Amino acid sequence: MARRFSILGSTLACSLLANACLHDFSGYHLGSDDATGGVAAASAGSAALGGAPNGDAGAEPGAGEAGAPSQAGAASQAGAASQAGSPGGSGAPNAGSAGSPDDPPTVDPPSCIGLPNTCGPGGAASCCASSLVGGGTYDRSNLPAAPATVSAFMLDDYEVTVGRFRTFIAAYTQDMTPAGSGKNPHDLGANPGWNTLWNARIPATAAALSSAVQCPSTTYTAAAGANESKAMTCVSWYEAYAFCIWDGGRLPTEAEWNFAAAGGTEERVYPWGEVTPDDTRAVFCPGSCNTVLAVGSKSPSGNGKFGQADLVGNVWEWNLDVYANPYPKAACNDCANAPADSTAPRVFRGGSAGNDAGYLLGASRYSRPAADHNGFVGVRCARNL
């Protein structure tokens, strides 16, 4: 039986003057990098302090700043073996798997074709490795009032790297993403997939996309260089979703991401267990403060139960869902809060190199405008079985 921990219900209150709030710990702007950004901080089970953009009640601690702790989770266990996902709309995993001699040949997803294996421990693993997350029922954000059942799926071992995103930019066109692609197959009613209205919310050309992802503190460089194995940052929710679809996957739902970070039914405090974060397990402040590192640099000690690295720390990761507090459904199966065309803030989770340990709890949840670009927000793709 999964152990339960009490909710740490602290929140961070900031001044609303000029839509800005600076925290002495890191100095990063709390809220969006646009002129309408909110400045509230919240966690599941606690009320937001102040309004989020577009009038929605949401949590807006900007990625890259320190903040208040949220919820806790439970016990520890070793990670799982890896596979990688294949290209195509189904996102079926197969590259890099250690299957039997009768298995079909493995194929890299598009983002890793031609790229060397430079990720993970020793910089020798495929950056497109992906591991099975076995399904189960757990309490979202460790809240007994919010149980969810999640079907098995694949989740990439690593955050998307600069090198992988560079291959996407080389192939990019504004209308490349098919309508309805990128669905979670288990709840199509709540997850309609890509809406072509979103094409107008992503850059018109590859050159424009390259420019858009060069926001302050970005890891991306116009020409390939020393950052190719670092986690890609400065991608909007729309760009992150389009990338994952092109790469044969999709964005993880919030319930899926939280399930993986919680170690499934174990409901861990941190992806690796209950041990307080230190520099051997996560990229955060102190330690590697404000510096996004190569993905998997704290692997395997910082891995989650199912084999994923950097689920907390390094960069925040976009989830599919529109933010809602409390969760829209008290109990659900393979749920997603993903209206067909919503401009409301989207969920991001996991903490970053610019945050203190209070943000690294697997249960913490926050939001930003979907069009936002931030130098500490990136993405990890999910894949259908």
Protein backbone atom coordinates (compact mmCIF):
# COMPACT_ATOMS: atom_id res chain seq x y z
CA MET A 1 0.00 0.00 0.00
CA ALA A 2 1.34 3.43 -0.94
CA ARG A 3 2.36 5.58 1.98
CA ARG A 4 0.71 8.98 2.39
CA PHE A 5 2.34 12.25 3.33
CA SER A 6 0.72 15.46 4.44
CA ILE A 7 0.33 18.40 2.09
CA LEU A 8 2.82 21.19 2.56
CA GLY A 9 0.38 24.01 1.99
CA SER A 10 2.68 26.98 1.86
CA THR A 11 2.35 29.50 -0.94
CA LEU A 12 4.31 32.48 -2.14
CA ALA A 13 2.68 35.94 -2.08
CA CYS A 14 4.06 38.71 -4.28
CA SER A 15 3.25 42.31 -5.09
CA LEU A 16 1.16 42.85 -8.22
CA LEU A 17 2.82 46.16 -9.07
CA ALA A 18 3.79 46.36 -12.74
CA ASN A 19 3.04 42.66 -13.17
CA ALA A 20 6.40 41.87 -11.65
CA CYS A 21 7.71 40.20 -8.55
CA LEU A 22 11.36 39.51 -7.91
CA HIS A 23 12.50 36.90 -5.43
CA ASP A 24 15.84 37.59 -3.77
CA PHE A 25 16.91 33.96 -4.16
CA SER A 26 17.42 34.02 -7.92
CA GLY A 27 16.19 37.36 -9.22
CA TYR A 28 14.05 35.89 -12.00
CA HIS A 29 10.76 37.52 -12.97
CA LEU A 30 7.79 35.76 -11.42
CA GLY A 31 5.21 35.21 -14.12
CA SER A 32 5.14 35.37 -17.88
CA ASP A 33 7.81 37.00 -19.99
CA ASP A 34 5.06 38.95 -21.77
CA ALA A 35 3.36 42.12 -20.61
CA THR A 36 0.26 40.35 -19.31
CA GLY A 37 1.98 37.80 -17.11
CA GLY A 38 0.53 37.00 -13.70
CA VAL A 39 2.52 36.67 -10.54
CA ALA A 40 0.59 34.24 -8.36
CA ALA A 41 1.99 31.05 -6.89
CA ALA A 42 -0.14 28.07 -5.89
CA SER A 43 -0.19 24.33 -5.41
CA ALA A 44 -2.81 21.63 -5.71
CA GLY A 45 -4.93 21.79 -2.59
CA SER A 46 -4.17 25.45 -1.89
CA ALA A 47 -5.73 28.63 -3.30
CA ALA A 48 -3.88 30.76 -5.86
CA LEU A 49 -2.69 34.14 -4.57
CA GLY A 50 -3.72 36.55 -7.30
CA GLY A 51 -5.04 36.00 -10.81
CA ALA A 52 -3.34 34.25 -13.69
CA PRO A 53 -3.37 35.65 -17.26
CA ASN A 54 -6.67 35.59 -19.15
CA GLY A 55 -8.53 35.80 -15.84
CA ASP A 56 -8.00 32.14 -14.96
CA ALA A 57 -7.17 31.10 -11.42
CA GLY A 58 -3.74 29.59 -11.86
CA ALA A 59 -0.28 29.29 -10.45
CA GLU A 60 2.35 31.45 -12.07
CA PRO A 61 5.76 31.18 -10.44
CA GLY A 62 7.96 31.88 -13.46
CA ALA A 63 10.36 29.13 -14.33
CA GLY A 64 13.78 29.93 -13.04
CA GLU A 65 12.96 31.46 -9.70
CA ALA A 66 12.82 30.10 -6.18
CA GLY A 67 9.52 29.49 -4.50
CA ALA A 68 7.50 27.80 -1.82
CA PRO A 69 7.17 24.04 -1.35
CA SER A 70 3.95 22.29 -2.24
CA GLN A 71 2.99 18.62 -1.74
CA ALA A 72 4.87 15.47 -0.82
CA GLY A 73 4.76 11.85 -1.96
CA ALA A 74 6.24 8.47 -0.85
CA ALA A 75 8.75 5.57 -0.96
CA SER A 76 11.60 4.50 -3.29
CA GLN A 77 12.44 1.83 -5.84
CA ALA A 78 14.89 1.26 -8.69
CA GLY A 79 14.25 2.48 -12.25
CA ALA A 80 13.20 0.52 -15.31
CA ALA A 81 15.04 -0.41 -18.50
CA SER A 82 14.94 1.88 -21.55
CA GLN A 83 13.53 1.90 -25.04
CA ALA A 84 13.21 4.63 -27.62
CA GLY A 85 10.21 5.73 -29.62
CA SER A 86 9.69 5.37 -33.34
CA PRO A 87 8.57 8.03 -35.79
CA GLY A 88 4.98 8.18 -36.90
CA GLY A 89 1.66 9.37 -35.55
CA SER A 90 1.22 6.44 -33.21
CA GLY A 91 4.37 7.23 -31.25
CA ALA A 92 4.95 3.50 -30.86
CA PRO A 93 8.20 2.88 -29.00
CA ASN A 94 10.89 0.70 -30.49
CA ALA A 95 14.24 2.39 -30.91
CA GLY A 96 17.01 1.46 -28.52
CA SER A 97 15.11 -1.39 -26.90
CA ALA A 98 17.02 -4.42 -25.75
CA GLY A 99 14.51 -6.85 -27.21
CA SER A 100 14.85 -10.48 -28.29
CA PRO A 101 16.62 -11.56 -31.50
CA ASP A 102 13.19 -11.90 -33.12
CA ASP A 103 12.29 -8.26 -32.55
CA PRO A 104 12.07 -6.02 -35.65
CA PRO A 105 14.96 -3.62 -36.35
CA THR A 106 14.88 -0.52 -34.20
CA VAL A 107 14.43 2.94 -35.70
CA ASP A 108 15.27 6.28 -34.14
CA PRO A 109 12.56 8.95 -33.89
CA PRO A 110 13.13 11.77 -36.41
CA SER A 111 14.81 14.04 -33.86
CA CYS A 112 17.65 11.56 -33.26
CA ILE A 113 18.36 10.47 -36.83
CA GLY A 114 22.01 11.27 -37.46
CA LEU A 115 22.68 12.41 -33.90
CA PRO A 116 25.33 10.69 -31.76
CA ASN A 117 24.49 9.08 -28.42
CA THR A 118 25.47 11.86 -26.01
CA CYS A 119 22.89 11.73 -23.21
CA GLY A 120 22.62 10.09 -19.81
CA PRO A 121 25.41 8.68 -17.61
CA GLY A 122 28.77 9.31 -19.22
CA GLY A 123 27.09 10.96 -22.20
CA ALA A 124 26.78 7.63 -24.03
CA ALA A 125 23.02 6.92 -24.18
CA SER A 126 20.57 7.70 -26.97
CA CYS A 127 18.92 11.06 -26.37
CA CYS A 128 15.69 9.47 -27.66
CA ALA A 129 15.61 6.58 -25.18
CA SER A 130 12.11 6.01 -23.78
CA SER A 131 10.87 3.77 -20.97
CA LEU A 132 7.60 2.04 -20.18
CA VAL A 133 5.52 3.62 -17.42
CA GLY A 134 3.28 0.86 -16.12
CA GLY A 135 -0.26 1.97 -15.43
CA GLY A 136 -2.12 2.05 -12.13
CA THR A 137 -4.28 4.11 -9.79
CA TYR A 138 -2.83 6.82 -7.54
CA ASP A 139 -3.74 10.12 -5.90
CA ARG A 140 -2.85 13.08 -8.12
CA SER A 141 -0.53 15.46 -6.29
CA ASN A 142 -0.86 13.10 -3.30
CA LEU A 143 -4.43 14.30 -2.75
CA PRO A 144 -6.74 11.47 -1.58
CA ALA A 145 -9.68 13.47 -3.00
CA ALA A 146 -8.19 13.35 -6.54
CA PRO A 147 -7.55 9.69 -7.51
CA ALA A 148 -6.75 8.84 -11.11
CA THR A 149 -6.18 5.67 -13.09
CA VAL A 150 -3.49 5.89 -15.78
CA SER A 151 -3.00 3.34 -18.55
CA ALA A 152 0.53 2.20 -19.43
CA PHE A 153 2.42 4.48 -21.81
CA MET A 154 5.97 5.35 -22.82
CA LEU A 155 7.72 8.43 -21.47
CA ASP A 156 11.06 9.62 -22.83
CA ASP A 157 13.98 9.09 -20.49
CA TYR A 158 15.33 12.56 -21.20
CA GLU A 159 14.12 16.07 -21.73
CA VAL A 160 14.28 17.16 -25.36
CA THR A 161 17.78 18.39 -26.14
CA VAL A 162 18.94 21.37 -28.14
CA GLY A 163 20.32 19.00 -30.79
CA ARG A 164 16.99 17.20 -31.16
CA PHE A 165 15.08 20.46 -31.44
CA ARG A 166 17.54 21.70 -34.03
CA THR A 167 16.59 18.80 -36.31
CA PHE A 168 12.93 19.79 -35.84
CA ILE A 169 13.67 23.36 -36.88
CA ALA A 170 15.40 22.06 -40.02
CA ALA A 171 12.22 20.19 -40.98
CA TYR A 172 9.75 22.80 -39.71
CA THR A 173 6.85 24.35 -41.56
CA GLN A 174 3.97 26.16 -39.90
CA ASP A 175 1.32 23.76 -41.23
CA MET A 176 3.25 20.51 -40.76
CA THR A 177 1.15 19.21 -37.83
CA PRO A 178 -1.95 17.22 -38.91
CA ALA A 179 -5.30 17.99 -37.34
CA GLY A 180 -6.11 15.61 -34.49
CA SER A 181 -2.58 14.24 -34.20
CA GLY A 182 -0.86 13.82 -30.84
CA LYS A 183 -3.85 12.25 -29.05
CA ASN A 184 -3.82 10.21 -25.90
CA PRO A 185 -5.71 7.16 -27.26
CA HIS A 186 -7.37 6.33 -23.96
CA ASP A 187 -9.61 9.40 -23.64
CA LEU A 188 -10.18 10.90 -27.06
CA GLY A 189 -13.16 12.93 -25.91
CA ALA A 190 -11.02 14.87 -23.47
CA ASN A 191 -7.95 14.91 -25.71
CA PRO A 192 -8.86 15.90 -29.29
CA GLY A 193 -5.25 16.33 -30.37
CA TRP A 194 -3.74 19.12 -32.45
CA ASN A 195 -6.08 21.91 -33.49
CA THR A 196 -5.05 23.56 -36.76
CA LEU A 197 -6.16 26.91 -35.33
CA TRP A 198 -2.93 26.64 -33.34
CA ASN A 199 -0.88 26.89 -36.55
CA ALA A 200 -1.32 30.65 -36.34
CA ARG A 201 0.17 30.60 -32.83
CA ILE A 202 3.51 29.12 -33.89
CA PRO A 203 6.17 30.84 -36.01
CA ALA A 204 5.53 31.16 -39.76
CA THR A 205 8.94 29.86 -40.86
CA ALA A 206 11.87 27.82 -39.61
CA ALA A 207 13.92 31.01 -39.34
CA ALA A 208 11.20 32.62 -37.24
CA LEU A 209 11.07 29.57 -34.96
CA SER A 210 14.85 29.69 -34.53
CA SER A 211 14.53 33.33 -33.51
CA ALA A 212 11.56 32.70 -31.18
CA VAL A 213 13.43 30.13 -29.09
CA GLN A 214 16.34 32.47 -28.43
CA CYS A 215 14.71 34.22 -25.48
CA PRO A 216 16.79 35.34 -22.46
CA SER A 217 18.64 32.46 -20.75
CA THR A 218 17.81 30.04 -23.58
CA THR A 219 20.02 27.01 -24.14
CA TYR A 220 19.49 27.18 -27.91
CA THR A 221 22.14 28.69 -30.15
CA ALA A 222 21.68 29.70 -33.78
CA ALA A 223 24.56 27.44 -34.80
CA ALA A 224 25.33 24.02 -33.33
CA GLY A 225 27.79 24.25 -30.47
CA ALA A 226 28.51 23.13 -26.93
CA ASN A 227 24.85 23.05 -25.85
CA GLU A 228 23.56 20.27 -28.11
CA SER A 229 23.07 17.80 -25.24
CA LYS A 230 21.55 20.34 -22.87
CA ALA A 231 17.81 20.43 -22.28
CA MET A 232 16.09 22.64 -24.83
CA THR A 233 14.43 25.68 -23.28
CA CYS A 234 12.44 28.70 -24.42
CA VAL A 235 9.82 26.62 -26.25
CA SER A 236 6.16 27.58 -26.02
CA TRP A 237 3.50 24.99 -25.24
CA TYR A 238 2.41 25.05 -28.90
CA GLU A 239 5.96 24.51 -30.15
CA ALA A 240 6.56 21.74 -27.61
CA TYR A 241 3.38 19.92 -28.68
CA ALA A 242 4.21 20.29 -32.38
CA PHE A 243 7.71 18.93 -31.75
CA CYS A 244 6.48 15.85 -29.91
CA ILE A 245 3.92 15.08 -32.63
CA TRP A 246 6.55 15.42 -35.36
CA ASP A 247 8.83 13.15 -33.35
CA GLY A 248 6.20 10.40 -33.21
CA GLY A 249 4.89 11.20 -29.75
CA ARG A 250 2.73 13.67 -27.86
CA LEU A 251 2.73 15.78 -24.72
CA PRO A 252 2.12 13.78 -21.54
CA THR A 253 -1.12 14.54 -19.76
CA GLU A 254 -0.75 16.03 -16.32
CA ALA A 255 -2.02 12.78 -14.77
CA GLU A 256 0.58 10.77 -16.72
CA TRP A 257 3.48 13.08 -15.88
CA ASN A 258 2.56 13.15 -12.20
CA PHE A 259 2.17 9.35 -12.15
CA ALA A 260 5.70 8.92 -13.51
CA ALA A 261 7.20 11.48 -11.12
CA ALA A 262 5.39 9.91 -8.16
CA GLY A 263 6.66 6.42 -8.90
CA GLY A 264 3.10 5.38 -9.72
CA THR A 265 1.22 3.92 -6.80
CA GLU A 266 4.19 4.53 -4.46
CA GLU A 267 3.40 8.28 -4.51
CA ARG A 268 6.95 9.30 -3.78
CA VAL A 269 7.99 12.69 -2.48
CA TYR A 270 10.61 12.99 -5.22
CA PRO A 271 11.02 10.80 -8.32
CA TRP A 272 13.86 8.85 -6.66
CA GLY A 273 12.11 8.47 -3.29
CA GLU A 274 12.11 10.39 -0.01
CA VAL A 275 15.74 11.54 0.20
CA THR A 276 16.08 15.32 0.20
CA PRO A 277 17.44 16.64 -3.14
CA ASP A 278 21.15 17.28 -3.42
CA ASP A 279 23.56 17.97 -6.27
CA THR A 280 23.95 14.26 -7.05
CA ARG A 281 20.24 13.84 -7.85
CA ALA A 282 18.95 17.05 -9.45
CA VAL A 283 19.99 20.28 -11.16
CA PHE A 284 18.72 23.08 -8.90
CA CYS A 285 19.79 25.81 -6.47
CA PRO A 286 22.13 25.51 -4.67
CA GLY A 287 24.43 23.20 -6.58
CA SER A 288 24.20 23.74 -10.35
CA CYS A 289 22.27 26.95 -9.72
CA ASN A 290 20.83 28.75 -12.79
CA THR A 291 22.77 26.54 -15.20
CA VAL A 292 20.80 24.06 -17.30
CA LEU A 293 22.96 20.96 -17.83
CA ALA A 294 23.13 18.09 -20.30
CA VAL A 295 20.11 15.84 -19.87
CA GLY A 296 20.66 12.85 -17.62
CA SER A 297 23.71 14.39 -15.98
CA LYS A 298 22.36 13.28 -12.57
CA SER A 299 21.40 9.81 -13.79
CA PRO A 300 20.93 7.20 -12.48
CA SER A 301 20.83 8.51 -8.89
CA GLY A 302 18.15 11.07 -9.77
CA ASN A 303 16.05 8.76 -11.95
CA GLY A 304 12.41 8.02 -11.24
CA LYS A 305 10.98 4.55 -10.69
CA PHE A 306 10.38 3.99 -14.40
CA GLY A 307 13.80 5.13 -15.60
CA GLN A 308 13.27 8.80 -16.49
CA ALA A 309 15.98 11.34 -15.59
CA ASP A 310 15.51 14.98 -14.58
CA LEU A 311 11.80 14.68 -13.84
CA VAL A 312 12.49 17.39 -11.30
CA GLY A 313 15.15 20.04 -11.72
CA ASN A 314 17.09 21.13 -14.82
CA VAL A 315 14.06 22.50 -16.74
CA TRP A 316 10.33 22.74 -16.18
CA GLU A 317 8.33 20.46 -18.50
CA TRP A 318 5.11 21.32 -20.31
CA ASN A 319 2.10 19.04 -19.77
CA LEU A 320 -0.89 18.77 -22.10
CA ASP A 321 -3.50 20.10 -19.69
CA VAL A 322 -5.06 23.48 -19.15
CA TYR A 323 -4.43 24.44 -15.52
CA ALA A 324 -7.36 24.09 -13.13
CA ASN A 325 -7.41 24.20 -9.33
CA PRO A 326 -8.97 22.05 -8.01
CA TYR A 327 -8.69 19.31 -10.60
CA PRO A 328 -11.76 19.36 -12.90
CA LYS A 329 -12.68 15.77 -12.02
CA ALA A 330 -12.45 14.48 -8.47
CA ALA A 331 -11.73 10.98 -9.81
CA CYS A 332 -10.91 10.02 -13.38
CA ASN A 333 -9.56 7.40 -15.79
CA ASP A 334 -6.89 8.52 -18.30
CA CYS A 335 -8.12 12.06 -17.85
CA ALA A 336 -6.92 15.23 -19.51
CA ASN A 337 -8.18 18.79 -19.18
CA ALA A 338 -7.53 19.65 -22.82
CA PRO A 339 -10.26 21.73 -24.49
CA ALA A 340 -10.10 21.80 -28.28
CA ASP A 341 -9.10 25.47 -28.46
CA SER A 342 -8.28 27.09 -25.16
CA THR A 343 -5.92 30.00 -24.67
CA ALA A 344 -5.90 29.45 -20.92
CA PRO A 345 -2.56 28.81 -19.16
CA ARG A 346 -1.16 25.29 -19.52
CA VAL A 347 0.39 23.16 -16.81
CA PHE A 348 4.14 22.83 -16.39
CA ARG A 349 5.80 20.77 -13.67
CA GLY A 350 9.12 19.64 -12.26
CA GLY A 351 11.19 22.64 -11.20
CA SER A 352 14.34 23.94 -12.87
CA ALA A 353 17.98 24.86 -12.44
CA GLY A 354 16.80 28.26 -11.23
CA ASN A 355 14.68 26.92 -8.36
CA ASP A 356 15.33 25.77 -4.83
CA ALA A 357 14.34 22.35 -3.52
CA GLY A 358 10.85 23.55 -2.58
CA TYR A 359 9.87 23.35 -6.25
CA LEU A 360 11.24 19.85 -6.84
CA LEU A 361 8.35 17.95 -5.27
CA GLY A 362 6.73 15.62 -7.79
CA ALA A 363 3.32 16.80 -6.59
CA SER A 364 3.84 20.51 -7.32
CA ARG A 365 1.94 22.03 -10.27
CA TYR A 366 2.05 25.45 -11.88
CA SER A 367 0.99 27.17 -15.11
CA ARG A 368 2.08 29.65 -17.76
CA PRO A 369 0.43 31.08 -20.90
CA ALA A 370 0.67 28.57 -23.75
CA ALA A 371 2.44 31.09 -25.99
CA ASP A 372 5.06 31.90 -23.35
CA HIS A 373 8.78 31.46 -23.98
CA ASN A 374 10.97 31.10 -20.91
CA GLY A 375 14.63 30.20 -20.58
CA PHE A 376 13.92 27.54 -17.94
CA VAL A 377 10.92 25.77 -19.53
CA GLY A 378 11.37 22.75 -21.80
CA VAL A 379 9.60 19.53 -22.76
CA ARG A 380 9.64 15.74 -22.51
CA CYS A 381 7.53 13.64 -24.90
CA ALA A 382 5.19 10.75 -24.16
CA ARG A 383 4.53 7.92 -26.64
CA ASN A 384 1.62 5.57 -27.17
CA LEU A 385 2.09 1.82 -26.80
